[in-house]
Amino acid sequence: MGFLDKIKKSIELKQRMPNDESIKKVENKIIELKKTLEKNPNDSKIITKLYMCYVEISETEKKIECLKKLSQLLPNDFYSFQQLADIYLNEFGDIKQAKIYQNQSNDIKNSF
C-alpha cells in the first residue's frame, strides 16, 4: 500500500457513518429545502444546500440532479462540473462521462 493509499484509508476511517437520527434530520431538512425551492426554483444557494444534504445521505441520483441544475443556472462556475466528474468517475467508474464534465470544468477554469 502506497503512501497516498494510506492517507486515503485514514480519511475514510475517520468519516462518520450517519446514524438513524442524523439521517432523519437530513431528510427533514430536505423536505424544508424542497418547499423553499418550489417558491424559488432558480435559487442556486438552496440547490447547493439540497445537494449537500444528498451528499450526507449518499443519494447519488439526487446529487446528480442538483448538480445538473446548478450547471444550468451557473454555467460559468466550475464547481458543479467538477463534482459531476468526480461522481461519474468514483461512483460509477464511467471514465467517458467523467472526462466530459472534467473538460467542461477545465474550460471554465482556464477562461479566467
PDB file of N, CA and C in Angstrom:
ATOM      1  N   MET A   1       0.854  -1.177   0.000  1.00  0.00           N
ATOM      2  CA  MET A   1       0.000   0.000   0.000  1.00  0.00           C
ATOM      3  C   MET A   1       0.898   1.238   0.000  1.00  0.00           C
ATOM      4  N   GLY A   2       0.678   2.118  -0.964  1.00  0.00           N
ATOM      5  CA  GLY A   2       1.474   3.329  -1.075  1.00  0.00           C
ATOM      6  C   GLY A   2       1.078   4.372  -0.056  1.00  0.00           C
ATOM      7  N   PHE A   3       1.897   5.413   0.013  1.00  0.00           N
ATOM      8  CA  PHE A   3       1.681   6.495   0.968  1.00  0.00           C
ATOM      9  C   PHE A   3       0.318   7.154   0.792  1.00  0.00           C
ATOM     10  N   LEU A   4      -0.042   7.471  -0.477  1.00  0.00           N
ATOM     11  CA  LEU A   4      -1.331   8.128  -0.722  1.00  0.00           C
ATOM     12  C   LEU A   4      -2.499   7.205  -0.388  1.00  0.00           C
ATOM     13  N   ASP A   5      -2.327   5.916  -0.633  1.00  0.00           N
ATOM     14  CA  ASP A   5      -3.377   4.965  -0.272  1.00  0.00           C
ATOM     15  C   ASP A   5      -3.593   4.940   1.237  1.00  0.00           C
ATOM     16  N   LYS A   6      -2.514   5.039   2.009  1.00  0.00           N
ATOM     17  CA  LYS A   6      -2.619   5.055   3.466  1.00  0.00           C
ATOM     18  C   LYS A   6      -3.372   6.290   3.947  1.00  0.00           C
ATOM     19  N   ILE A   7      -3.072   7.432   3.326  1.00  0.00           N
ATOM     20  CA  ILE A   7      -3.760   8.672   3.691  1.00  0.00           C
ATOM     21  C   ILE A   7      -5.246   8.549   3.374  1.00  0.00           C
ATOM     22  N   LYS A   8      -5.555   8.046   2.175  1.00  0.00           N
ATOM     23  CA  LYS A   8      -6.957   7.891   1.772  1.00  0.00           C
ATOM     24  C   LYS A   8      -7.688   6.967   2.741  1.00  0.00           C
ATOM     25  N   LYS A   9      -7.082   5.861   3.093  1.00  0.00           N
ATOM     26  CA  LYS A   9      -7.684   4.904   4.016  1.00  0.00           C
ATOM     27  C   LYS A   9      -7.925   5.550   5.380  1.00  0.00           C
ATOM     28  N   SER A  10      -6.955   6.345   5.831  1.00  0.00           N
ATOM     29  CA  SER A  10      -7.077   7.035   7.108  1.00  0.00           C
ATOM     30  C   SER A  10      -8.261   7.988   7.097  1.00  0.00           C
ATOM     31  N   ILE A  11      -8.418   8.712   6.009  1.00  0.00           N
ATOM     32  CA  ILE A  11      -9.527   9.665   5.887  1.00  0.00           C
ATOM     33  C   ILE A  11     -10.848   8.914   5.862  1.00  0.00           C
ATOM     34  N   GLU A  12     -10.907   7.819   5.109  1.00  0.00           N
ATOM     35  CA  GLU A  12     -12.141   7.042   5.031  1.00  0.00           C
ATOM     36  C   GLU A  12     -12.545   6.520   6.400  1.00  0.00           C
ATOM     37  N   LEU A  13     -11.586   6.094   7.204  1.00  0.00           N
ATOM     38  CA  LEU A  13     -11.880   5.564   8.518  1.00  0.00           C
ATOM     39  C   LEU A  13     -12.388   6.623   9.480  1.00  0.00           C
ATOM     40  N   LYS A  14     -11.961   7.876   9.279  1.00  0.00           N
ATOM     41  CA  LYS A  14     -12.361   8.958  10.183  1.00  0.00           C
ATOM     42  C   LYS A  14     -13.724   9.549   9.835  1.00  0.00           C
ATOM     43  N   GLN A  15     -14.224   9.271   8.620  1.00  0.00           N
ATOM     44  CA  GLN A  15     -15.516   9.803   8.245  1.00  0.00           C
ATOM     45  C   GLN A  15     -16.589   9.150   9.104  1.00  0.00           C
ATOM     46  N   ARG A  16     -17.474   9.956   9.617  1.00  0.00           N
ATOM     47  CA  ARG A  16     -18.505   9.395  10.482  1.00  0.00           C
ATOM     48  C   ARG A  16     -19.608   8.775   9.627  1.00  0.00           C
ATOM     49  N   MET A  17     -20.078   7.667  10.103  1.00  0.00           N
ATOM     50  CA  MET A  17     -21.182   6.997   9.425  1.00  0.00           C
ATOM     51  C   MET A  17     -22.477   7.582   9.971  1.00  0.00           C
ATOM     52  N   PRO A  18     -23.395   7.936   9.072  1.00  0.00           N
ATOM     53  CA  PRO A  18     -24.646   8.522   9.559  1.00  0.00           C
ATOM     54  C   PRO A  18     -25.474   7.485  10.315  1.00  0.00           C
ATOM     55  N   ASN A  19     -26.074   7.930  11.410  1.00  0.00           N
ATOM     56  CA  ASN A  19     -26.967   7.046  12.154  1.00  0.00           C
ATOM     57  C   ASN A  19     -28.407   7.418  11.806  1.00  0.00           C
ATOM     58  N   ASP A  20     -29.340   6.656  12.335  1.00  0.00           N
ATOM     59  CA  ASP A  20     -30.754   6.874  12.008  1.00  0.00           C
ATOM     60  C   ASP A  20     -31.214   8.282  12.357  1.00  0.00           C
ATOM     61  N   GLU A  21     -30.744   8.785  13.483  1.00  0.00           N
ATOM     62  CA  GLU A  21     -31.155  10.127  13.925  1.00  0.00           C
ATOM     63  C   GLU A  21     -30.638  11.209  12.981  1.00  0.00           C
ATOM     64  N   SER A  22     -29.371  11.109  12.591  1.00  0.00           N
ATOM     65  CA  SER A  22     -28.810  12.124  11.700  1.00  0.00           C
ATOM     66  C   SER A  22     -29.436  12.036  10.314  1.00  0.00           C
ATOM     67  N   ILE A  23     -29.737  10.830   9.866  1.00  0.00           N
ATOM     68  CA  ILE A  23     -30.396  10.672   8.562  1.00  0.00           C
ATOM     69  C   ILE A  23     -31.782  11.304   8.603  1.00  0.00           C
ATOM     70  N   LYS A  24     -32.490  11.105   9.687  1.00  0.00           N
ATOM     71  CA  LYS A  24     -33.831  11.684   9.832  1.00  0.00           C
ATOM     72  C   LYS A  24     -33.766  13.214   9.815  1.00  0.00           C
ATOM     73  N   LYS A  25     -32.768  13.785  10.477  1.00  0.00           N
ATOM     74  CA  LYS A  25     -32.595  15.241  10.477  1.00  0.00           C
ATOM     75  C   LYS A  25     -32.355  15.750   9.066  1.00  0.00           C
ATOM     76  N   VAL A  26     -31.504  15.048   8.334  1.00  0.00           N
ATOM     77  CA  VAL A  26     -31.195  15.452   6.959  1.00  0.00           C
ATOM     78  C   VAL A  26     -32.434  15.323   6.083  1.00  0.00           C
ATOM     79  N   GLU A  27     -33.170  14.245   6.248  1.00  0.00           N
ATOM     80  CA  GLU A  27     -34.395  14.058   5.462  1.00  0.00           C
ATOM     81  C   GLU A  27     -35.407  15.168   5.741  1.00  0.00           C
ATOM     82  N   ASN A  28     -35.529  15.584   6.999  1.00  0.00           N
ATOM     83  CA  ASN A  28     -36.420  16.698   7.335  1.00  0.00           C
ATOM     84  C   ASN A  28     -35.931  17.994   6.710  1.00  0.00           C
ATOM     85  N   LYS A  29     -34.625  18.192   6.714  1.00  0.00           N
ATOM     86  CA  LYS A  29     -34.049  19.385   6.092  1.00  0.00           C
ATOM     87  C   LYS A  29     -34.318  19.374   4.590  1.00  0.00           C
ATOM     88  N   ILE A  30     -34.233  18.207   3.973  1.00  0.00           N
ATOM     89  CA  ILE A  30     -34.514  18.081   2.539  1.00  0.00           C
ATOM     90  C   ILE A  30     -35.953  18.489   2.244  1.00  0.00           C
ATOM     91  N   ILE A  31     -36.871  18.047   3.073  1.00  0.00           N
ATOM     92  CA  ILE A  31     -38.284  18.397   2.890  1.00  0.00           C
ATOM     93  C   ILE A  31     -38.462  19.912   2.926  1.00  0.00           C
ATOM     94  N   GLU A  32     -37.842  20.557   3.909  1.00  0.00           N
ATOM     95  CA  GLU A  32     -37.948  22.015   4.032  1.00  0.00           C
ATOM     96  C   GLU A  32     -37.305  22.722   2.841  1.00  0.00           C
ATOM     97  N   LEU A  33     -36.149  22.250   2.432  1.00  0.00           N
ATOM     98  CA  LEU A  33     -35.460  22.868   1.292  1.00  0.00           C
ATOM     99  C   LEU A  33     -36.267  22.716   0.005  1.00  0.00           C
ATOM    100  N   LYS A  34     -36.901  21.579  -0.171  1.00  0.00           N
ATOM    101  CA  LYS A  34     -37.736  21.373  -1.361  1.00  0.00           C
ATOM    102  C   LYS A  34     -38.921  22.326  -1.371  1.00  0.00           C
ATOM    103  N   LYS A  35     -39.509  22.553  -0.209  1.00  0.00           N
ATOM    104  CA  LYS A  35     -40.620  23.503  -0.112  1.00  0.00           C
ATOM    105  C   LYS A  35     -40.149  24.908  -0.495  1.00  0.00           C
ATOM    106  N   THR A  36     -38.990  25.277   0.019  1.00  0.00           N
ATOM    107  CA  THR A  36     -38.422  26.589  -0.304  1.00  0.00           C
ATOM    108  C   THR A  36     -38.079  26.676  -1.782  1.00  0.00           C
ATOM    109  N   LEU A  37     -37.573  25.585  -2.334  1.00  0.00           N
ATOM    110  CA  LEU A  37     -37.186  25.562  -3.739  1.00  0.00           C
ATOM    111  C   LEU A  37     -38.393  25.707  -4.658  1.00  0.00           C
ATOM    112  N   GLU A  38     -39.536  25.196  -4.231  1.00  0.00           N
ATOM    113  CA  GLU A  38     -40.758  25.350  -5.027  1.00  0.00           C
ATOM    114  C   GLU A  38     -41.082  26.827  -5.242  1.00  0.00           C
ATOM    115  N   LYS A  39     -40.821  27.643  -4.235  1.00  0.00           N
ATOM    116  CA  LYS A  39     -41.088  29.077  -4.317  1.00  0.00           C
ATOM    117  C   LYS A  39     -39.998  29.809  -5.090  1.00  0.00           C
ATOM    118  N   ASN A  40     -38.786  29.257  -5.061  1.00  0.00           N
ATOM    119  CA  ASN A  40     -37.625  29.888  -5.702  1.00  0.00           C
ATOM    120  C   ASN A  40     -36.850  28.831  -6.496  1.00  0.00           C
ATOM    121  N   PRO A  41     -37.421  28.343  -7.618  1.00  0.00           N
ATOM    122  CA  PRO A  41     -36.826  27.204  -8.328  1.00  0.00           C
ATOM    123  C   PRO A  41     -35.434  27.452  -8.914  1.00  0.00           C
ATOM    124  N   ASN A  42     -35.035  28.695  -9.023  1.00  0.00           N
ATOM    125  CA  ASN A  42     -33.728  29.002  -9.600  1.00  0.00           C
ATOM    126  C   ASN A  42     -32.743  29.555  -8.579  1.00  0.00           C
ATOM    127  N   ASP A  43     -32.996  29.296  -7.320  1.00  0.00           N
ATOM    128  CA  ASP A  43     -32.101  29.775  -6.269  1.00  0.00           C
ATOM    129  C   ASP A  43     -30.945  28.788  -6.089  1.00  0.00           C
ATOM    130  N   SER A  44     -29.793  29.169  -6.578  1.00  0.00           N
ATOM    131  CA  SER A  44     -28.637  28.262  -6.559  1.00  0.00           C
ATOM    132  C   SER A  44     -28.178  27.933  -5.134  1.00  0.00           C
ATOM    133  N   LYS A  45     -28.389  28.838  -4.195  1.00  0.00           N
ATOM    134  CA  LYS A  45     -27.994  28.568  -2.808  1.00  0.00           C
ATOM    135  C   LYS A  45     -28.835  27.444  -2.207  1.00  0.00           C
ATOM    136  N   ILE A  46     -30.102  27.448  -2.493  1.00  0.00           N
ATOM    137  CA  ILE A  46     -30.983  26.396  -1.993  1.00  0.00           C
ATOM    138  C   ILE A  46     -30.612  25.062  -2.638  1.00  0.00           C
ATOM    139  N   ILE A  47     -30.365  25.085  -3.926  1.00  0.00           N
ATOM    140  CA  ILE A  47     -29.995  23.852  -4.630  1.00  0.00           C
ATOM    141  C   ILE A  47     -28.669  23.315  -4.096  1.00  0.00           C
ATOM    142  N   THR A  48     -27.749  24.200  -3.788  1.00  0.00           N
ATOM    143  CA  THR A  48     -26.463  23.770  -3.225  1.00  0.00           C
ATOM    144  C   THR A  48     -26.665  23.137  -1.850  1.00  0.00           C
ATOM    145  N   LYS A  49     -27.519  23.733  -1.032  1.00  0.00           N
ATOM    146  CA  LYS A  49     -27.809  23.153   0.289  1.00  0.00           C
ATOM    147  C   LYS A  49     -28.470  21.783   0.140  1.00  0.00           C
ATOM    148  N   LEU A  50     -29.364  21.682  -0.820  1.00  0.00           N
ATOM    149  CA  LEU A  50     -30.028  20.415  -1.084  1.00  0.00           C
ATOM    150  C   LEU A  50     -29.000  19.370  -1.541  1.00  0.00           C
ATOM    151  N   TYR A  51     -28.101  19.774  -2.402  1.00  0.00           N
ATOM    152  CA  TYR A  51     -27.026  18.891  -2.864  1.00  0.00           C
ATOM    153  C   TYR A  51     -26.213  18.377  -1.674  1.00  0.00           C
ATOM    154  N   MET A  52     -25.869  19.266  -0.762  1.00  0.00           N
ATOM    155  CA  MET A  52     -25.072  18.867   0.403  1.00  0.00           C
ATOM    156  C   MET A  52     -25.830  17.866   1.282  1.00  0.00           C
ATOM    157  N   CYS A  53     -27.133  18.024   1.380  1.00  0.00           N
ATOM    158  CA  CYS A  53     -27.939  17.056   2.132  1.00  0.00           C
ATOM    159  C   CYS A  53     -27.873  15.682   1.465  1.00  0.00           C
ATOM    160  N   TYR A  54     -27.971  15.673   0.151  1.00  0.00           N
ATOM    161  CA  TYR A  54     -27.903  14.393  -0.555  1.00  0.00           C
ATOM    162  C   TYR A  54     -26.520  13.762  -0.438  1.00  0.00           C
ATOM    163  N   VAL A  55     -25.501  14.589  -0.322  1.00  0.00           N
ATOM    164  CA  VAL A  55     -24.155  14.060  -0.082  1.00  0.00           C
ATOM    165  C   VAL A  55     -24.122  13.348   1.266  1.00  0.00           C
ATOM    166  N   GLU A  56     -24.719  13.966   2.273  1.00  0.00           N
ATOM    167  CA  GLU A  56     -24.713  13.398   3.625  1.00  0.00           C
ATOM    168  C   GLU A  56     -25.392  12.038   3.695  1.00  0.00           C
ATOM    169  N   ILE A  57     -26.437  11.847   2.892  1.00  0.00           N
ATOM    170  CA  ILE A  57     -27.156  10.573   2.947  1.00  0.00           C
ATOM    171  C   ILE A  57     -26.849   9.684   1.736  1.00  0.00           C
ATOM    172  N   SER A  58     -25.871  10.076   0.954  1.00  0.00           N
ATOM    173  CA  SER A  58     -25.386   9.278  -0.184  1.00  0.00           C
ATOM    174  C   SER A  58     -26.472   8.957  -1.208  1.00  0.00           C
ATOM    175  N   GLU A  59     -27.211   9.958  -1.607  1.00  0.00           N
ATOM    176  CA  GLU A  59     -28.237   9.813  -2.650  1.00  0.00           C
ATOM    177  C   GLU A  59     -27.641  10.273  -3.974  1.00  0.00           C
ATOM    178  N   THR A  60     -26.968   9.374  -4.661  1.00  0.00           N
ATOM    179  CA  THR A  60     -26.208   9.727  -5.852  1.00  0.00           C
ATOM    180  C   THR A  60     -27.062  10.343  -6.951  1.00  0.00           C
ATOM    181  N   GLU A  61     -28.187   9.745  -7.263  1.00  0.00           N
ATOM    182  CA  GLU A  61     -29.021  10.271  -8.352  1.00  0.00           C
ATOM    183  C   GLU A  61     -29.520  11.686  -8.037  1.00  0.00           C
ATOM    184  N   LYS A  62     -29.856  11.927  -6.780  1.00  0.00           N
ATOM    185  CA  LYS A  62     -30.319  13.258  -6.378  1.00  0.00           C
ATOM    186  C   LYS A  62     -29.166  14.265  -6.409  1.00  0.00           C
ATOM    187  N   LYS A  63     -27.967  13.808  -6.054  1.00  0.00           N
ATOM    188  CA  LYS A  63     -26.792  14.687  -6.144  1.00  0.00           C
ATOM    189  C   LYS A  63     -26.605  15.125  -7.589  1.00  0.00           C
ATOM    190  N   ILE A  64     -26.674  14.172  -8.502  1.00  0.00           N
ATOM    191  CA  ILE A  64     -26.501  14.470  -9.925  1.00  0.00           C
ATOM    192  C   ILE A  64     -27.566  15.447 -10.399  1.00  0.00           C
ATOM    193  N   GLU A  65     -28.790  15.224  -9.990  1.00  0.00           N
ATOM    194  CA  GLU A  65     -29.901  16.099 -10.365  1.00  0.00           C
ATOM    195  C   GLU A  65     -29.625  17.544  -9.930  1.00  0.00           C
ATOM    196  N   CYS A  66     -29.187  17.714  -8.703  1.00  0.00           N
ATOM    197  CA  CYS A  66     -28.879  19.053  -8.188  1.00  0.00           C
ATOM    198  C   CYS A  66     -27.719  19.680  -8.954  1.00  0.00           C
ATOM    199  N   LEU A  67     -26.684  18.908  -9.189  1.00  0.00           N
ATOM    200  CA  LEU A  67     -25.502  19.441  -9.880  1.00  0.00           C
ATOM    201  C   LEU A  67     -25.811  19.826 -11.318  1.00  0.00           C
ATOM    202  N   LYS A  68     -26.634  19.055 -11.980  1.00  0.00           N
ATOM    203  CA  LYS A  68     -27.011  19.410 -13.356  1.00  0.00           C
ATOM    204  C   LYS A  68     -27.821  20.702 -13.373  1.00  0.00           C
ATOM    205  N   LYS A  69     -28.701  20.855 -12.395  1.00  0.00           N
ATOM    206  CA  LYS A  69     -29.480  22.097 -12.297  1.00  0.00           C
ATOM    207  C   LYS A  69     -28.545  23.282 -12.024  1.00  0.00           C
ATOM    208  N   LEU A  70     -27.579  23.086 -11.117  1.00  0.00           N
ATOM    209  CA  LEU A  70     -26.614  24.150 -10.829  1.00  0.00           C
ATOM    210  C   LEU A  70     -25.785  24.500 -12.055  1.00  0.00           C
ATOM    211  N   SER A  71     -25.407  23.497 -12.828  1.00  0.00           N
ATOM    212  CA  SER A  71     -24.593  23.768 -14.020  1.00  0.00           C
ATOM    213  C   SER A  71     -25.375  24.577 -15.052  1.00  0.00           C
ATOM    214  N   GLN A  72     -26.700  24.415 -15.067  1.00  0.00           N
ATOM    215  CA  GLN A  72     -27.533  25.220 -15.964  1.00  0.00           C
ATOM    216  C   GLN A  72     -27.687  26.646 -15.441  1.00  0.00           C
ATOM    217  N   LEU A  73     -27.869  26.766 -14.130  1.00  0.00           N
ATOM    218  CA  LEU A  73     -28.068  28.086 -13.529  1.00  0.00           C
ATOM    219  C   LEU A  73     -26.767  28.895 -13.477  1.00  0.00           C
ATOM    220  N   LEU A  74     -25.648  28.194 -13.261  1.00  0.00           N
ATOM    221  CA  LEU A  74     -24.347  28.855 -13.122  1.00  0.00           C
ATOM    222  C   LEU A  74     -23.349  28.258 -14.120  1.00  0.00           C
ATOM    223  N   PRO A  75     -23.555  28.491 -15.407  1.00  0.00           N
ATOM    224  CA  PRO A  75     -22.714  27.839 -16.419  1.00  0.00           C
ATOM    225  C   PRO A  75     -21.244  28.259 -16.383  1.00  0.00           C
ATOM    226  N   ASN A  76     -20.930  29.345 -15.711  1.00  0.00           N
ATOM    227  CA  ASN A  76     -19.539  29.797 -15.628  1.00  0.00           C
ATOM    228  C   ASN A  76     -18.865  29.429 -14.309  1.00  0.00           C
ATOM    229  N   ASP A  77     -19.529  28.576 -13.524  1.00  0.00           N
ATOM    230  CA  ASP A  77     -18.972  28.115 -12.263  1.00  0.00           C
ATOM    231  C   ASP A  77     -18.539  26.660 -12.438  1.00  0.00           C
ATOM    232  N   PHE A  78     -17.266  26.393 -12.245  1.00  0.00           N
ATOM    233  CA  PHE A  78     -16.729  25.058 -12.498  1.00  0.00           C
ATOM    234  C   PHE A  78     -17.117  24.030 -11.446  1.00  0.00           C
ATOM    235  N   TYR A  79     -17.570  24.458 -10.271  1.00  0.00           N
ATOM    236  CA  TYR A  79     -17.815  23.538  -9.153  1.00  0.00           C
ATOM    237  C   TYR A  79     -18.740  22.377  -9.526  1.00  0.00           C
ATOM    238  N   SER A  80     -19.886  22.668 -10.101  1.00  0.00           N
ATOM    239  CA  SER A  80     -20.849  21.597 -10.402  1.00  0.00           C
ATOM    240  C   SER A  80     -20.282  20.617 -11.421  1.00  0.00           C
ATOM    241  N   PHE A  81     -19.561  21.128 -12.411  1.00  0.00           N
ATOM    242  CA  PHE A  81     -18.965  20.254 -13.414  1.00  0.00           C
ATOM    243  C   PHE A  81     -17.881  19.368 -12.787  1.00  0.00           C
ATOM    244  N   GLN A  82     -17.109  19.938 -11.885  1.00  0.00           N
ATOM    245  CA  GLN A  82     -16.052  19.175 -11.207  1.00  0.00           C
ATOM    246  C   GLN A  82     -16.661  18.078 -10.341  1.00  0.00           C
ATOM    247  N   GLN A  83     -17.718  18.398  -9.621  1.00  0.00           N
ATOM    248  CA  GLN A  83     -18.378  17.415  -8.776  1.00  0.00           C
ATOM    249  C   GLN A  83     -19.016  16.300  -9.611  1.00  0.00           C
ATOM    250  N   LEU A  84     -19.611  16.671 -10.741  1.00  0.00           N
ATOM    251  CA  LEU A  84     -20.182  15.660 -11.634  1.00  0.00           C
ATOM    252  C   LEU A  84     -19.096  14.728 -12.160  1.00  0.00           C
ATOM    253  N   ALA A  85     -17.958  15.296 -12.519  1.00  0.00           N
ATOM    254  CA  ALA A  85     -16.837  14.467 -12.985  1.00  0.00           C
ATOM    255  C   ALA A  85     -16.413  13.487 -11.898  1.00  0.00           C
ATOM    256  N   ASP A  86     -16.325  13.969 -10.674  1.00  0.00           N
ATOM    257  CA  ASP A  86     -15.936  13.110  -9.552  1.00  0.00           C
ATOM    258  C   ASP A  86     -16.949  11.986  -9.327  1.00  0.00           C
ATOM    259  N   ILE A  87     -18.218  12.299  -9.391  1.00  0.00           N
ATOM    260  CA  ILE A  87     -19.255  11.284  -9.183  1.00  0.00           C
ATOM    261  C   ILE A  87     -19.188  10.214 -10.265  1.00  0.00           C
ATOM    262  N   TYR A  88     -19.123  10.677 -11.524  1.00  0.00           N
ATOM    263  CA  TYR A  88     -19.116   9.696 -12.605  1.00  0.00           C
ATOM    264  C   TYR A  88     -17.863   8.827 -12.574  1.00  0.00           C
ATOM    265  N   LEU A  89     -16.750   9.389 -12.174  1.00  0.00           N
ATOM    266  CA  LEU A  89     -15.522   8.602 -12.107  1.00  0.00           C
ATOM    267  C   LEU A  89     -15.506   7.682 -10.894  1.00  0.00           C
ATOM    268  N   ASN A  90     -15.748   8.246  -9.717  1.00  0.00           N
ATOM    269  CA  ASN A  90     -15.579   7.491  -8.477  1.00  0.00           C
ATOM    270  C   ASN A  90     -16.765   6.613  -8.084  1.00  0.00           C
ATOM    271  N   GLU A  91     -17.966   7.008  -8.446  1.00  0.00           N
ATOM    272  CA  GLU A  91     -19.119   6.229  -8.025  1.00  0.00           C
ATOM    273  C   GLU A  91     -19.639   5.289  -9.111  1.00  0.00           C
ATOM    274  N   PHE A  92     -19.409   5.671 -10.380  1.00  0.00           N
ATOM    275  CA  PHE A  92     -19.893   4.835 -11.478  1.00  0.00           C
ATOM    276  C   PHE A  92     -18.763   4.204 -12.293  1.00  0.00           C
ATOM    277  N   GLY A  93     -17.558   4.731 -12.143  1.00  0.00           N
ATOM    278  CA  GLY A  93     -16.446   4.235 -12.945  1.00  0.00           C
ATOM    279  C   GLY A  93     -16.609   4.556 -14.429  1.00  0.00           C
ATOM    280  N   ASP A  94     -17.393   5.581 -14.719  1.00  0.00           N
ATOM    281  CA  ASP A  94     -17.678   5.988 -16.101  1.00  0.00           C
ATOM    282  C   ASP A  94     -16.663   7.053 -16.522  1.00  0.00           C
ATOM    283  N   ILE A  95     -15.544   6.602 -17.039  1.00  0.00           N
ATOM    284  CA  ILE A  95     -14.456   7.498 -17.393  1.00  0.00           C
ATOM    285  C   ILE A  95     -14.859   8.449 -18.511  1.00  0.00           C
ATOM    286  N   LYS A  96     -15.596   7.947 -19.484  1.00  0.00           N
ATOM    287  CA  LYS A  96     -16.008   8.781 -20.624  1.00  0.00           C
ATOM    288  C   LYS A  96     -16.841   9.981 -20.167  1.00  0.00           C
ATOM    289  N   GLN A  97     -17.861   9.717 -19.355  1.00  0.00           N
ATOM    290  CA  GLN A  97     -18.714  10.809 -18.870  1.00  0.00           C
ATOM    291  C   GLN A  97     -17.942  11.725 -17.923  1.00  0.00           C
ATOM    292  N   ALA A  98     -17.083  11.145 -17.102  1.00  0.00           N
ATOM    293  CA  ALA A  98     -16.269  11.948 -16.182  1.00  0.00           C
ATOM    294  C   ALA A  98     -15.381  12.911 -16.961  1.00  0.00           C
ATOM    295  N   LYS A  99     -14.808  12.451 -18.052  1.00  0.00           N
ATOM    296  CA  LYS A  99     -13.939  13.317 -18.872  1.00  0.00           C
ATOM    297  C   LYS A  99     -14.712  14.476 -19.472  1.00  0.00           C
ATOM    298  N   ILE A 100     -15.944  14.214 -19.879  1.00  0.00           N
ATOM    299  CA  ILE A 100     -16.777  15.281 -20.447  1.00  0.00           C
ATOM    300  C   ILE A 100     -16.958  16.407 -19.425  1.00  0.00           C
ATOM    301  N   TYR A 101     -17.338  16.027 -18.208  1.00  0.00           N
ATOM    302  CA  TYR A 101     -17.555  17.037 -17.167  1.00  0.00           C
ATOM    303  C   TYR A 101     -16.238  17.673 -16.720  1.00  0.00           C
ATOM    304  N   GLN A 102     -15.179  16.889 -16.654  1.00  0.00           N
ATOM    305  CA  GLN A 102     -13.880  17.442 -16.265  1.00  0.00           C
ATOM    306  C   GLN A 102     -13.401  18.452 -17.303  1.00  0.00           C
ATOM    307  N   ASN A 103     -13.612  18.155 -18.570  1.00  0.00           N
ATOM    308  CA  ASN A 103     -13.220  19.098 -19.619  1.00  0.00           C
ATOM    309  C   ASN A 103     -14.022  20.391 -19.528  1.00  0.00           C
ATOM    310  N   GLN A 104     -15.307  20.283 -19.211  1.00  0.00           N
ATOM    311  CA  GLN A 104     -16.118  21.488 -19.036  1.00  0.00           C
ATOM    312  C   GLN A 104     -15.595  22.309 -17.861  1.00  0.00           C
ATOM    313  N   SER A 105     -15.277  21.630 -16.783  1.00  0.00           N
ATOM    314  CA  SER A 105     -14.723  22.310 -15.610  1.00  0.00           C
ATOM    315  C   SER A 105     -13.409  23.002 -15.961  1.00  0.00           C
ATOM    316  N   ASN A 106     -12.531  22.286 -16.649  1.00  0.00           N
ATOM    317  CA  ASN A 106     -11.229  22.850 -17.031  1.00  0.00           C
ATOM    318  C   ASN A 106     -11.371  24.036 -17.962  1.00  0.00           C
ATOM    319  N   ASP A 107     -12.324  23.957 -18.892  1.00  0.00           N
ATOM    320  CA  ASP A 107     -12.552  25.089 -19.804  1.00  0.00           C
ATOM    321  C   ASP A 107     -12.936  26.345 -19.045  1.00  0.00           C
ATOM    322  N   ILE A 108     -13.767  26.185 -18.028  1.00  0.00           N
ATOM    323  CA  ILE A 108     -14.191  27.341 -17.226  1.00  0.00           C
ATOM    324  C   ILE A 108     -13.005  27.881 -16.428  1.00  0.00           C
ATOM    325  N   LYS A 109     -12.252  26.989 -15.802  1.00  0.00           N
ATOM    326  CA  LYS A 109     -11.089  27.406 -15.006  1.00  0.00           C
ATOM    327  C   LYS A 109     -10.081  28.137 -15.876  1.00  0.00           C
ATOM    328  N   ASN A 110      -9.861  27.625 -17.085  1.00  0.00           N
ATOM    329  CA  ASN A 110      -8.855  28.208 -17.974  1.00  0.00           C
ATOM    330  C   ASN A 110      -9.309  29.498 -18.640  1.00  0.00           C
ATOM    331  N   SER A 111     -10.600  29.788 -18.589  1.00  0.00           N
ATOM    332  CA  SER A 111     -11.090  31.001 -19.237  1.00  0.00           C
ATOM    333  C   SER A 111     -10.924  32.248 -18.373  1.00  0.00           C
ATOM    334  N   PHE A 112     -10.505  32.044 -17.115  1.00  0.00           N
ATOM    335  CA  PHE A 112     -10.309  33.188 -16.225  1.00  0.00           C
ATOM    336  C   PHE A 112      -8.903  33.662 -16.257  1.00  0.00           C
TER     337      PHE A 112
END
